[in-house]
Structure formats: C-alpha cells, structure tokens
Amino acid sequence: MALYDRRMGIEEQFRDTKGVHFGMKLKWTQFQKAEYVERMYLLIAVALLLWTAVGRAVEEVEPKVRLMSKQKGARLSLARVGSYY
C-alpha cells in the first residue's frame, strides 16, 4: 500500500504539470524558438519546486489537506496544495 501511495503521488504530480483541467496547461504552449521553451521549463521547474515545498509544509500541519473528498476521486498533489496556499 505504501508503494502504491508513492506511485500515485508521482502520477498526481504529472497530472498537475501537464493536464489541461487540473494542471498548468503545458499542452497548449506553442513556442517557435528552443530558447523560449528552455526558459519556460526552467521557470516551471522553479515554480513546481516551490509549490511542492509549500505543499509538503502544509501537509505536515494538516495531513488531510490532500484529500478532495471521501468518495473515489483524485487527490491533490503537493504541488497543487502548494499553489493553493
């Protein structure tokens, strides 16, 4: 169960990075030059690092903050929790 929980945390992070509904909408970017793409990914990496760090700090204070509902549903990733706070 612990291994599956770790795996789902990684999947949630991918969803929140790439997804159109939950994520940062990276699917819709249309850059013409490679250096623009590199800059964007560097900024995104810094933002994800900060959001994940804030999300981890919030989760230590409130362990149940990552659960959206008691029903089956997507949990919030640490990055998403960090972006909310």
Protein backbone atom coordinates (compact mmCIF):
# COMPACT_ATOMS: atom_id res chain seq x y z
CA MET A 1 0.00 0.00 0.00
CA ALA A 2 2.83 2.41 0.83
CA LEU A 3 4.49 1.76 -2.54
CA TYR A 4 1.21 2.32 -4.39
CA ASP A 5 0.68 5.55 -2.43
CA ARG A 6 4.11 6.82 -3.51
CA ARG A 7 3.37 5.93 -7.13
CA MET A 8 0.06 7.78 -7.06
CA GLY A 9 1.84 10.85 -5.69
CA ILE A 10 4.07 10.82 -8.77
CA GLU A 11 1.07 10.36 -11.09
CA GLU A 12 -0.70 13.29 -9.44
CA GLN A 13 2.39 15.44 -9.95
CA PHE A 14 2.44 14.56 -13.68
CA ARG A 15 -1.27 15.32 -13.96
CA ASP A 16 -0.85 18.70 -12.30
CA THR A 17 2.09 19.57 -14.52
CA LYS A 18 0.71 18.57 -17.92
CA GLY A 19 -3.04 18.42 -17.59
CA VAL A 20 -5.46 20.83 -19.16
CA HIS A 21 -8.14 20.57 -16.47
CA PHE A 22 -6.08 20.35 -13.26
CA GLY A 23 -2.64 21.37 -14.43
CA MET A 24 -0.58 24.20 -15.80
CA LYS A 25 -1.92 23.65 -19.34
CA LEU A 26 1.51 22.96 -20.86
CA LYS A 27 -0.19 21.08 -23.66
CA TRP A 28 -1.27 24.37 -25.22
CA THR A 29 2.14 26.08 -25.46
CA GLN A 30 3.34 26.92 -28.96
CA PHE A 31 6.86 28.34 -28.91
CA GLN A 32 8.84 28.89 -32.09
CA LYS A 33 12.38 29.02 -30.64
CA ALA A 34 14.12 26.43 -28.50
CA GLU A 35 15.49 29.00 -26.03
CA TYR A 36 11.95 30.14 -25.24
CA VAL A 37 10.96 26.59 -24.42
CA GLU A 38 14.06 26.18 -22.23
CA ARG A 39 13.25 29.35 -20.29
CA MET A 40 9.66 28.31 -19.80
CA TYR A 41 10.65 24.87 -18.48
CA LEU A 42 13.19 26.42 -16.13
CA LEU A 43 10.52 28.74 -14.71
CA ILE A 44 8.08 25.85 -14.42
CA ALA A 45 10.69 23.73 -12.62
CA VAL A 46 11.30 26.51 -10.08
CA ALA A 47 7.56 27.01 -9.60
CA LEU A 48 6.98 23.26 -9.11
CA LEU A 49 9.83 23.08 -6.61
CA LEU A 50 8.41 25.96 -4.59
CA TRP A 51 4.83 24.68 -4.78
CA THR A 52 5.90 21.19 -3.74
CA ALA A 53 7.90 22.54 -0.79
CA VAL A 54 4.97 24.66 0.38
CA GLY A 55 2.57 21.74 -0.16
CA ARG A 56 4.79 19.46 1.92
CA ALA A 57 4.92 22.02 4.74
CA VAL A 58 1.14 22.42 4.68
CA GLU A 59 0.66 18.63 4.65
CA GLU A 60 2.79 18.28 7.79
CA VAL A 61 0.49 20.70 9.59
CA GLU A 62 -2.76 19.35 8.07
CA PRO A 63 -2.31 15.71 6.93
CA LYS A 64 -5.80 15.51 5.39
CA VAL A 65 -5.35 18.53 3.10
CA ARG A 66 -4.53 16.34 0.06
CA LEU A 67 -7.89 14.52 0.02
CA MET A 68 -10.57 16.23 -2.04
CA SER A 69 -13.46 14.10 -0.85
CA LYS A 70 -14.23 10.86 0.95
CA GLN A 71 -15.56 9.32 -2.28
CA LYS A 72 -13.36 7.96 -5.01
CA GLY A 73 -11.74 10.92 -6.60
CA ALA A 74 -8.44 12.47 -7.45
CA ARG A 75 -6.27 13.51 -4.57
CA LEU A 76 -4.43 16.77 -4.70
CA SER A 77 -0.70 16.64 -5.39
CA LEU A 78 1.73 18.51 -3.16
CA ALA A 79 2.31 20.99 -5.98
CA ARG A 80 -1.41 21.72 -6.26
CA VAL A 81 -1.73 22.15 -2.48
CA GLY A 82 1.27 24.49 -2.57
CA SER A 83 -0.22 26.56 -5.38
CA TYR A 84 -3.47 26.93 -3.43
CA TYR A 85 -1.62 28.20 -0.36
